[in-house]
């Protein structure tokens, strides 16, 4: 590692940035199955004119995070698609969920940054992440929210998520807020559940694998339960699928990771029809 001693401030989410670094390091490790070197370097970089790479980086002042490896490299045809969800898992044969690099892309976009990738087969891969330097002063974290305003009244919420740890987090959080919960592992199971039982609200993950995704699940739900209230959850920004689900009638959208305030506010608004 070579970390800049006097790093400037950037405006962003510590949790998402940490996950980005972890995903890049994990990707670098998998590229070197026999062992090797992973380099993490940060630097301050001023661009007086745009730079064209994987992204077209605009001129300006940036904090740049560089993660590189000495691995097998990425083929040019794969490099163009490496940030697509599930591409690294289904096409390149990597382990994990297949969403790691998509999360990296989404995080950089959310932070109004850019990515440059250079790779050659047998020559390793380097990811340069450009984050705009913030001129805003460091601010204190907001005070803890008063959860009494977020408490439910034993409404039943159906949690739909393919990840067991996400179901557990949502279940624990919602029960703490006074809701009753049921949890299922995917879209097909949610549809079968709602054929025979009611739910005041569905908390629906957008990306699920295997099986149908959140958008298709919601389409089928409103065929059997017109007007079914729902909160769409995703680890990514408002994608086309998320926007379409909201257009179809899902009341709210929340960005993972879940927090008590975030999930409590979204559920409350959706139940109230806001």
C-alpha atoms as a PDB file:
ATOM      1  CA  UNK A   1       0.000   0.000   0.000  1.00  0.00           C
ATOM      2  CA  UNK A   2       1.024   3.591  -0.639  1.00  0.00           C
ATOM      3  CA  UNK A   3      -1.499   5.932   0.951  1.00  0.00           C
ATOM      4  CA  UNK A   4      -1.238   9.697   0.503  1.00  0.00           C
ATOM      5  CA  UNK A   5      -0.310  11.259   3.848  1.00  0.00           C
ATOM      6  CA  UNK A   6      -2.450  14.370   3.427  1.00  0.00           C
ATOM      7  CA  UNK A   7      -5.525  13.145   1.626  1.00  0.00           C
ATOM      8  CA  UNK A   8      -8.227  15.675   0.765  1.00  0.00           C
ATOM      9  CA  UNK A   9     -11.852  15.232   1.706  1.00  0.00           C
ATOM     10  CA  UNK A  10     -14.345  13.594  -0.594  1.00  0.00           C
ATOM     11  CA  UNK A  11     -18.083  13.584  -0.067  1.00  0.00           C
ATOM     12  CA  UNK A  12     -19.390  10.056   0.246  1.00  0.00           C
ATOM     13  CA  UNK A  13     -20.562   7.016   2.166  1.00  0.00           C
ATOM     14  CA  UNK A  14     -17.867   5.309   4.245  1.00  0.00           C
ATOM     15  CA  UNK A  15     -19.763   2.006   4.166  1.00  0.00           C
ATOM     16  CA  UNK A  16     -20.079   1.925   0.374  1.00  0.00           C
ATOM     17  CA  UNK A  17     -16.504   3.064  -0.180  1.00  0.00           C
ATOM     18  CA  UNK A  18     -15.213   0.334   2.139  1.00  0.00           C
ATOM     19  CA  UNK A  19     -17.216  -2.261   0.213  1.00  0.00           C
ATOM     20  CA  UNK A  20     -15.794  -0.913  -3.032  1.00  0.00           C
ATOM     21  CA  UNK A  21     -12.225  -1.425  -1.818  1.00  0.00           C
ATOM     22  CA  UNK A  22     -13.081  -4.919  -0.557  1.00  0.00           C
ATOM     23  CA  UNK A  23     -14.635  -5.881  -3.892  1.00  0.00           C
ATOM     24  CA  UNK A  24     -11.631  -4.625  -5.853  1.00  0.00           C
ATOM     25  CA  UNK A  25      -9.197  -6.471  -3.589  1.00  0.00           C
ATOM     26  CA  UNK A  26     -11.286  -9.650  -3.814  1.00  0.00           C
ATOM     27  CA  UNK A  27     -11.322  -9.382  -7.603  1.00  0.00           C
ATOM     28  CA  UNK A  28      -7.536  -8.905  -7.642  1.00  0.00           C
ATOM     29  CA  UNK A  29      -7.027 -11.934  -5.399  1.00  0.00           C
ATOM     30  CA  UNK A  30      -9.125 -14.155  -7.669  1.00  0.00           C
ATOM     31  CA  UNK A  31      -7.092 -13.022 -10.657  1.00  0.00           C
ATOM     32  CA  UNK A  32      -4.030 -14.528  -8.954  1.00  0.00           C
ATOM     33  CA  UNK A  33      -5.063 -18.066  -7.907  1.00  0.00           C
ATOM     34  CA  UNK A  34      -1.446 -19.035  -7.330  1.00  0.00           C
ATOM     35  CA  UNK A  35      -0.696 -15.984  -5.211  1.00  0.00           C
ATOM     36  CA  UNK A  36       0.776 -12.652  -6.166  1.00  0.00           C
ATOM     37  CA  UNK A  37       0.873  -8.965  -5.336  1.00  0.00           C
ATOM     38  CA  UNK A  38      -2.070  -6.617  -4.808  1.00  0.00           C
ATOM     39  CA  UNK A  39      -1.170  -2.944  -4.758  1.00  0.00           C
ATOM     40  CA  UNK A  40      -3.353  -0.218  -3.226  1.00  0.00           C
ATOM     41  CA  UNK A  41      -2.234   3.336  -3.920  1.00  0.00           C
ATOM     42  CA  UNK A  42      -3.912   6.697  -3.387  1.00  0.00           C
ATOM     43  CA  UNK A  43      -2.889  10.024  -4.830  1.00  0.00           C
ATOM     44  CA  UNK A  44      -4.176  13.512  -5.484  1.00  0.00           C
ATOM     45  CA  UNK A  45      -4.441  14.227  -9.174  1.00  0.00           C
ATOM     46  CA  UNK A  46      -5.216  17.435 -11.077  1.00  0.00           C
ATOM     47  CA  UNK A  47      -6.447  17.093 -14.649  1.00  0.00           C
ATOM     48  CA  UNK A  48      -6.245  20.275 -16.691  1.00  0.00           C
ATOM     49  CA  UNK A  49      -8.049  18.593 -19.565  1.00  0.00           C
ATOM     50  CA  UNK A  50     -10.391  15.599 -19.901  1.00  0.00           C
ATOM     51  CA  UNK A  51      -8.818  12.139 -20.061  1.00  0.00           C
ATOM     52  CA  UNK A  52     -10.372   9.400 -22.167  1.00  0.00           C
ATOM     53  CA  UNK A  53     -10.113   5.900 -20.719  1.00  0.00           C
ATOM     54  CA  UNK A  54     -12.770   3.404 -19.686  1.00  0.00           C
ATOM     55  CA  UNK A  55     -14.721   6.495 -18.623  1.00  0.00           C
ATOM     56  CA  UNK A  56     -14.118   9.984 -20.020  1.00  0.00           C
ATOM     57  CA  UNK A  57     -12.765  11.754 -16.941  1.00  0.00           C
ATOM     58  CA  UNK A  58     -13.527  15.467 -16.858  1.00  0.00           C
ATOM     59  CA  UNK A  59     -10.913  18.053 -15.930  1.00  0.00           C
ATOM     60  CA  UNK A  60     -10.674  18.947 -12.242  1.00  0.00           C
ATOM     61  CA  UNK A  61      -9.134  17.897  -8.925  1.00  0.00           C
ATOM     62  CA  UNK A  62      -9.519  14.280  -7.844  1.00  0.00           C
ATOM     63  CA  UNK A  63      -8.635  11.863  -5.104  1.00  0.00           C
ATOM     64  CA  UNK A  64      -7.620   8.714  -6.980  1.00  0.00           C
ATOM     65  CA  UNK A  65      -7.731   5.175  -5.569  1.00  0.00           C
ATOM     66  CA  UNK A  66      -5.656   2.682  -7.562  1.00  0.00           C
ATOM     67  CA  UNK A  67      -5.950  -1.086  -7.037  1.00  0.00           C
ATOM     68  CA  UNK A  68      -3.782  -3.302  -9.212  1.00  0.00           C
ATOM     69  CA  UNK A  69      -2.684  -6.921  -9.453  1.00  0.00           C
ATOM     70  CA  UNK A  70      -0.137  -9.009 -11.335  1.00  0.00           C
ATOM     71  CA  UNK A  71      -2.667 -11.622 -12.378  1.00  0.00           C
ATOM     72  CA  UNK A  72      -3.886 -13.165 -15.573  1.00  0.00           C
ATOM     73  CA  UNK A  73      -5.466  -9.979 -16.908  1.00  0.00           C
ATOM     74  CA  UNK A  74      -8.837  -9.511 -18.567  1.00  0.00           C
ATOM     75  CA  UNK A  75      -9.588 -10.162 -22.228  1.00  0.00           C
ATOM     76  CA  UNK A  76     -10.624  -7.027 -24.189  1.00  0.00           C
ATOM     77  CA  UNK A  77     -14.086  -8.440 -24.933  1.00  0.00           C
ATOM     78  CA  UNK A  78     -14.629  -9.150 -21.211  1.00  0.00           C
ATOM     79  CA  UNK A  79     -13.234  -5.797 -20.093  1.00  0.00           C
ATOM     80  CA  UNK A  80     -16.104  -3.989 -21.822  1.00  0.00           C
ATOM     81  CA  UNK A  81     -18.648  -5.908 -19.715  1.00  0.00           C
ATOM     82  CA  UNK A  82     -16.880  -6.454 -16.401  1.00  0.00           C
ATOM     83  CA  UNK A  83     -19.185  -4.090 -14.492  1.00  0.00           C
ATOM     84  CA  UNK A  84     -22.395  -5.808 -15.637  1.00  0.00           C
ATOM     85  CA  UNK A  85     -24.264  -7.638 -12.834  1.00  0.00           C
ATOM     86  CA  UNK A  86     -23.374 -11.354 -12.695  1.00  0.00           C
ATOM     87  CA  UNK A  87     -20.894 -11.100 -15.599  1.00  0.00           C
ATOM     88  CA  UNK A  88     -17.831 -11.991 -13.504  1.00  0.00           C
ATOM     89  CA  UNK A  89     -19.662 -15.009 -12.068  1.00  0.00           C
ATOM     90  CA  UNK A  90     -21.540 -16.425 -15.052  1.00  0.00           C
ATOM     91  CA  UNK A  91     -19.077 -15.626 -17.848  1.00  0.00           C
ATOM     92  CA  UNK A  92     -15.676 -15.310 -16.176  1.00  0.00           C
ATOM     93  CA  UNK A  93     -16.292 -18.075 -13.633  1.00  0.00           C
ATOM     94  CA  UNK A  94     -15.460 -16.028 -10.537  1.00  0.00           C
ATOM     95  CA  UNK A  95     -16.865 -16.950  -7.120  1.00  0.00           C
ATOM     96  CA  UNK A  96     -19.182 -14.829  -4.979  1.00  0.00           C
ATOM     97  CA  UNK A  97     -22.507 -13.268  -5.919  1.00  0.00           C
ATOM     98  CA  UNK A  98     -21.350 -11.865  -9.246  1.00  0.00           C
ATOM     99  CA  UNK A  99     -22.364  -8.375  -8.103  1.00  0.00           C
ATOM    100  CA  UNK A 100     -19.053  -7.157  -6.677  1.00  0.00           C
ATOM    101  CA  UNK A 101     -17.874  -5.220  -9.718  1.00  0.00           C
ATOM    102  CA  UNK A 102     -21.380  -3.897 -10.385  1.00  0.00           C
ATOM    103  CA  UNK A 103     -21.353  -2.531  -6.827  1.00  0.00           C
ATOM    104  CA  UNK A 104     -18.009  -0.850  -7.549  1.00  0.00           C
ATOM    105  CA  UNK A 105     -19.478   0.790 -10.652  1.00  0.00           C
ATOM    106  CA  UNK A 106     -22.634   1.880  -8.850  1.00  0.00           C
ATOM    107  CA  UNK A 107     -20.699   3.348  -5.922  1.00  0.00           C
ATOM    108  CA  UNK A 108     -18.380   5.364  -8.152  1.00  0.00           C
ATOM    109  CA  UNK A 109     -21.338   6.684 -10.161  1.00  0.00           C
ATOM    110  CA  UNK A 110     -23.199   7.625  -6.974  1.00  0.00           C
ATOM    111  CA  UNK A 111     -20.136   9.586  -5.834  1.00  0.00           C
ATOM    112  CA  UNK A 112     -20.038  11.408  -9.202  1.00  0.00           C
ATOM    113  CA  UNK A 113     -16.705   9.788  -9.947  1.00  0.00           C
ATOM    114  CA  UNK A 114     -15.101   7.941 -12.827  1.00  0.00           C
ATOM    115  CA  UNK A 115     -13.346   4.632 -13.453  1.00  0.00           C
ATOM    116  CA  UNK A 116     -10.396   3.853 -15.669  1.00  0.00           C
ATOM    117  CA  UNK A 117      -9.340   0.230 -16.214  1.00  0.00           C
ATOM    118  CA  UNK A 118      -6.182  -0.977 -17.896  1.00  0.00           C
ATOM    119  CA  UNK A 119      -5.458  -4.650 -18.414  1.00  0.00           C
ATOM    120  CA  UNK A 120      -3.497  -6.997 -20.598  1.00  0.00           C
ATOM    121  CA  UNK A 121      -3.726 -10.755 -20.643  1.00  0.00           C
ATOM    122  CA  UNK A 122      -0.874 -12.072 -18.540  1.00  0.00           C
ATOM    123  CA  UNK A 123       0.034  -8.533 -17.469  1.00  0.00           C
ATOM    124  CA  UNK A 124      -2.409  -7.886 -14.642  1.00  0.00           C
ATOM    125  CA  UNK A 125      -5.185  -5.339 -14.201  1.00  0.00           C
ATOM    126  CA  UNK A 126      -5.335  -1.850 -12.718  1.00  0.00           C
ATOM    127  CA  UNK A 127      -8.454   0.010 -11.597  1.00  0.00           C
ATOM    128  CA  UNK A 128      -8.184   3.779 -11.101  1.00  0.00           C
ATOM    129  CA  UNK A 129     -11.181   5.269  -9.296  1.00  0.00           C
ATOM    130  CA  UNK A 130     -11.484   9.061  -9.542  1.00  0.00           C
ATOM    131  CA  UNK A 131     -13.450  10.820  -6.794  1.00  0.00           C
ATOM    132  CA  UNK A 132     -14.028  14.596  -6.996  1.00  0.00           C
ATOM    133  CA  UNK A 133     -12.374  16.461  -4.141  1.00  0.00           C
ATOM    134  CA  UNK A 134     -14.948  18.128  -1.911  1.00  0.00           C
ATOM    135  CA  UNK A 135     -14.625  21.753  -0.898  1.00  0.00           C
ATOM    136  CA  UNK A 136     -17.232  21.309   1.825  1.00  0.00           C
ATOM    137  CA  UNK A 137     -16.112  21.193   5.479  1.00  0.00           C
ATOM    138  CA  UNK A 138     -16.348  17.940   7.418  1.00  0.00           C
ATOM    139  CA  UNK A 139     -19.718  17.799   9.175  1.00  0.00           C
ATOM    140  CA  UNK A 140     -20.805  15.939  12.267  1.00  0.00           C
ATOM    141  CA  UNK A 141     -23.054  12.919  11.997  1.00  0.00           C
ATOM    142  CA  UNK A 142     -26.739  13.742  12.528  1.00  0.00           C
ATOM    143  CA  UNK A 143     -28.299  12.941  15.862  1.00  0.00           C
ATOM    144  CA  UNK A 144     -30.030   9.607  16.301  1.00  0.00           C
ATOM    145  CA  UNK A 145     -33.604   9.590  15.063  1.00  0.00           C
ATOM    146  CA  UNK A 146     -36.536   9.255  17.459  1.00  0.00           C
ATOM    147  CA  UNK A 147     -37.870   5.831  16.473  1.00  0.00           C
ATOM    148  CA  UNK A 148     -41.231   6.442  18.147  1.00  0.00           C
ATOM    149  CA  UNK A 149     -42.328   8.240  14.964  1.00  0.00           C
ATOM    150  CA  UNK A 150     -41.451   5.153  12.924  1.00  0.00           C
ATOM    151  CA  UNK A 151     -43.255   2.540  15.012  1.00  0.00           C
ATOM    152  CA  UNK A 152     -45.783   0.314  13.291  1.00  0.00           C
ATOM    153  CA  UNK A 153     -49.045  -1.169  14.530  1.00  0.00           C
ATOM    154  CA  UNK A 154     -48.518  -4.886  13.926  1.00  0.00           C
ATOM    155  CA  UNK A 155     -49.000  -4.569  10.150  1.00  0.00           C
ATOM    156  CA  UNK A 156     -47.817  -7.668   8.300  1.00  0.00           C
ATOM    157  CA  UNK A 157     -44.817  -7.213   6.016  1.00  0.00           C
ATOM    158  CA  UNK A 158     -43.655  -9.840   3.536  1.00  0.00           C
ATOM    159  CA  UNK A 159     -39.868  -9.723   3.079  1.00  0.00           C
ATOM    160  CA  UNK A 160     -38.625 -11.025  -0.285  1.00  0.00           C
ATOM    161  CA  UNK A 161     -34.858 -11.420  -0.639  1.00  0.00           C
ATOM    162  CA  UNK A 162     -32.575 -14.172  -1.917  1.00  0.00           C
ATOM    163  CA  UNK A 163     -29.845 -13.318   0.632  1.00  0.00           C
ATOM    164  CA  UNK A 164     -30.403 -14.884   4.056  1.00  0.00           C
ATOM    165  CA  UNK A 165     -28.462 -12.192   5.931  1.00  0.00           C
ATOM    166  CA  UNK A 166     -30.550  -9.460   4.287  1.00  0.00           C
ATOM    167  CA  UNK A 167     -33.766 -11.257   5.266  1.00  0.00           C
ATOM    168  CA  UNK A 168     -32.488 -11.518   8.832  1.00  0.00           C
ATOM    169  CA  UNK A 169     -31.554  -7.830   9.030  1.00  0.00           C
ATOM    170  CA  UNK A 170     -34.909  -6.727   7.615  1.00  0.00           C
ATOM    171  CA  UNK A 171     -36.832  -9.102   9.889  1.00  0.00           C
ATOM    172  CA  UNK A 172     -35.016  -7.976  13.043  1.00  0.00           C
ATOM    173  CA  UNK A 173     -35.359  -4.289  12.179  1.00  0.00           C
ATOM    174  CA  UNK A 174     -39.049  -4.423  11.281  1.00  0.00           C
ATOM    175  CA  UNK A 175     -39.985  -6.457  14.351  1.00  0.00           C
ATOM    176  CA  UNK A 176     -38.166  -3.930  16.499  1.00  0.00           C
ATOM    177  CA  UNK A 177     -40.407  -1.293  14.928  1.00  0.00           C
ATOM    178  CA  UNK A 178     -43.545  -3.206  15.869  1.00  0.00           C
ATOM    179  CA  UNK A 179     -44.364  -4.968  12.602  1.00  0.00           C
ATOM    180  CA  UNK A 180     -45.207  -8.615  12.006  1.00  0.00           C
ATOM    181  CA  UNK A 181     -43.040 -10.233   9.352  1.00  0.00           C
ATOM    182  CA  UNK A 182     -42.869 -13.203   7.024  1.00  0.00           C
ATOM    183  CA  UNK A 183     -39.826 -13.860   4.859  1.00  0.00           C
ATOM    184  CA  UNK A 184     -39.412 -15.805   1.620  1.00  0.00           C
ATOM    185  CA  UNK A 185     -36.356 -16.504  -0.520  1.00  0.00           C
ATOM    186  CA  UNK A 186     -37.468 -15.286  -3.932  1.00  0.00           C
ATOM    187  CA  UNK A 187     -40.095 -13.906  -6.272  1.00  0.00           C
ATOM    188  CA  UNK A 188     -41.799 -17.213  -7.037  1.00  0.00           C
ATOM    189  CA  UNK A 189     -42.201 -17.952  -3.322  1.00  0.00           C
ATOM    190  CA  UNK A 190     -43.646 -14.481  -2.727  1.00  0.00           C
ATOM    191  CA  UNK A 191     -46.269 -14.977  -5.425  1.00  0.00           C
ATOM    192  CA  UNK A 192     -47.299 -18.351  -4.009  1.00  0.00           C
ATOM    193  CA  UNK A 193     -47.560 -16.837  -0.527  1.00  0.00           C
ATOM    194  CA  UNK A 194     -49.781 -13.979  -1.681  1.00  0.00           C
ATOM    195  CA  UNK A 195     -52.134 -16.339  -3.519  1.00  0.00           C
ATOM    196  CA  UNK A 196     -53.441 -17.544  -0.159  1.00  0.00           C
ATOM    197  CA  UNK A 197     -52.378 -14.944   2.423  1.00  0.00           C
ATOM    198  CA  UNK A 198     -52.472 -11.188   2.819  1.00  0.00           C
ATOM    199  CA  UNK A 199     -49.647  -8.751   3.469  1.00  0.00           C
ATOM    200  CA  UNK A 200     -50.043  -5.072   4.260  1.00  0.00           C
ATOM    201  CA  UNK A 201     -46.731  -4.411   2.540  1.00  0.00           C
ATOM    202  CA  UNK A 202     -44.086  -6.250   0.524  1.00  0.00           C
ATOM    203  CA  UNK A 203     -40.416  -5.386   1.063  1.00  0.00           C
ATOM    204  CA  UNK A 204     -39.009  -6.524  -2.265  1.00  0.00           C
ATOM    205  CA  UNK A 205     -35.366  -6.919  -3.276  1.00  0.00           C
ATOM    206  CA  UNK A 206     -34.806  -5.859  -6.881  1.00  0.00           C
ATOM    207  CA  UNK A 207     -31.943  -8.196  -7.858  1.00  0.00           C
ATOM    208  CA  UNK A 208     -32.450 -11.876  -7.030  1.00  0.00           C
ATOM    209  CA  UNK A 209     -30.621 -14.879  -8.420  1.00  0.00           C
ATOM    210  CA  UNK A 210     -31.703 -17.490  -9.301  1.00  0.00           C
ATOM    211  CA  UNK A 211     -35.305 -16.847 -10.281  1.00  0.00           C
ATOM    212  CA  UNK A 212     -37.267 -13.810 -11.393  1.00  0.00           C
ATOM    213  CA  UNK A 213     -36.127 -10.339 -10.379  1.00  0.00           C
ATOM    214  CA  UNK A 214     -37.986  -7.803  -8.284  1.00  0.00           C
ATOM    215  CA  UNK A 215     -39.634  -6.034 -11.207  1.00  0.00           C
ATOM    216  CA  UNK A 216     -41.094  -9.211 -12.677  1.00  0.00           C
ATOM    217  CA  UNK A 217     -42.135 -10.312  -9.186  1.00  0.00           C
ATOM    218  CA  UNK A 218     -44.038  -7.075  -8.619  1.00  0.00           C
ATOM    219  CA  UNK A 219     -45.690  -7.315 -12.038  1.00  0.00           C
ATOM    220  CA  UNK A 220     -47.028 -10.763 -11.153  1.00  0.00           C
ATOM    221  CA  UNK A 221     -48.017  -9.705  -7.640  1.00  0.00           C
ATOM    222  CA  UNK A 222     -50.252  -6.874  -8.843  1.00  0.00           C
ATOM    223  CA  UNK A 223     -51.948  -9.291 -11.238  1.00  0.00           C
ATOM    224  CA  UNK A 224     -53.254 -11.251  -8.240  1.00  0.00           C
ATOM    225  CA  UNK A 225     -53.184  -8.394  -5.715  1.00  0.00           C
ATOM    226  CA  UNK A 226     -53.974  -5.138  -7.563  1.00  0.00           C
ATOM    227  CA  UNK A 227     -52.732  -2.121  -5.633  1.00  0.00           C
ATOM    228  CA  UNK A 228     -50.421  -4.156  -3.414  1.00  0.00           C
ATOM    229  CA  UNK A 229     -48.230  -1.740  -1.490  1.00  0.00           C
ATOM    230  CA  UNK A 230     -44.508  -2.364  -1.708  1.00  0.00           C
ATOM    231  CA  UNK A 231     -41.095  -0.964  -0.898  1.00  0.00           C
ATOM    232  CA  UNK A 232     -38.405  -1.726  -3.467  1.00  0.00           C
ATOM    233  CA  UNK A 233     -34.920  -2.360  -2.062  1.00  0.00           C
ATOM    234  CA  UNK A 234     -31.677  -2.421  -4.018  1.00  0.00           C
ATOM    235  CA  UNK A 235     -27.960  -2.072  -3.504  1.00  0.00           C
ATOM    236  CA  UNK A 236     -27.811   0.148  -6.582  1.00  0.00           C
ATOM    237  CA  UNK A 237     -29.119   3.526  -7.615  1.00  0.00           C
ATOM    238  CA  UNK A 238     -32.560   3.995  -9.159  1.00  0.00           C
ATOM    239  CA  UNK A 239     -32.152   1.694 -12.130  1.00  0.00           C
ATOM    240  CA  UNK A 240     -34.619   1.367 -14.983  1.00  0.00           C
ATOM    241  CA  UNK A 241     -36.151  -1.645 -13.205  1.00  0.00           C
ATOM    242  CA  UNK A 242     -36.605   0.301  -9.977  1.00  0.00           C
ATOM    243  CA  UNK A 243     -38.234   3.227 -11.792  1.00  0.00           C
ATOM    244  CA  UNK A 244     -40.589   0.876 -13.633  1.00  0.00           C
ATOM    245  CA  UNK A 245     -41.636  -0.836 -10.383  1.00  0.00           C
ATOM    246  CA  UNK A 246     -42.391   2.564  -8.863  1.00  0.00           C
ATOM    247  CA  UNK A 247     -44.389   3.513 -11.951  1.00  0.00           C
ATOM    248  CA  UNK A 248     -46.437   0.320 -11.557  1.00  0.00           C
ATOM    249  CA  UNK A 249     -47.401   1.316  -8.030  1.00  0.00           C
ATOM    250  CA  UNK A 250     -44.671   0.290  -5.603  1.00  0.00           C
ATOM    251  CA  UNK A 251     -44.789   3.113  -3.107  1.00  0.00           C
ATOM    252  CA  UNK A 252     -41.178   3.617  -2.033  1.00  0.00           C
ATOM    253  CA  UNK A 253     -37.579   2.790  -2.890  1.00  0.00           C
ATOM    254  CA  UNK A 254     -34.705   2.381  -0.431  1.00  0.00           C
ATOM    255  CA  UNK A 255     -31.038   1.901  -1.078  1.00  0.00           C
ATOM    256  CA  UNK A 256     -29.256  -0.874   0.793  1.00  0.00           C
ATOM    257  CA  UNK A 257     -27.626  -1.329   3.245  1.00  0.00           C
ATOM    258  CA  UNK A 258     -30.630  -1.169   5.556  1.00  0.00           C
ATOM    259  CA  UNK A 259     -30.687   1.142   8.544  1.00  0.00           C
ATOM    260  CA  UNK A 260     -33.463   1.405  11.092  1.00  0.00           C
ATOM    261  CA  UNK A 261     -34.267   4.982  10.088  1.00  0.00           C
ATOM    262  CA  UNK A 262     -34.146   4.262   6.361  1.00  0.00           C
ATOM    263  CA  UNK A 263     -36.333   1.160   6.401  1.00  0.00           C
ATOM    264  CA  UNK A 264     -38.672   2.568   9.045  1.00  0.00           C
ATOM    265  CA  UNK A 265     -39.292   5.782   7.111  1.00  0.00           C
ATOM    266  CA  UNK A 266     -39.874   4.023   3.782  1.00  0.00           C
ATOM    267  CA  UNK A 267     -42.274   1.462   5.252  1.00  0.00           C
ATOM    268  CA  UNK A 268     -44.215   4.144   7.119  1.00  0.00           C
ATOM    269  CA  UNK A 269     -44.598   6.278   3.988  1.00  0.00           C
ATOM    270  CA  UNK A 270     -45.626   3.319   1.841  1.00  0.00           C
ATOM    271  CA  UNK A 271     -48.266   2.179   4.312  1.00  0.00           C
ATOM    272  CA  UNK A 272     -49.646   5.712   4.514  1.00  0.00           C
ATOM    273  CA  UNK A 273     -49.772   5.915   0.727  1.00  0.00           C
ATOM    274  CA  UNK A 274     -47.210   8.717   0.436  1.00  0.00           C
END
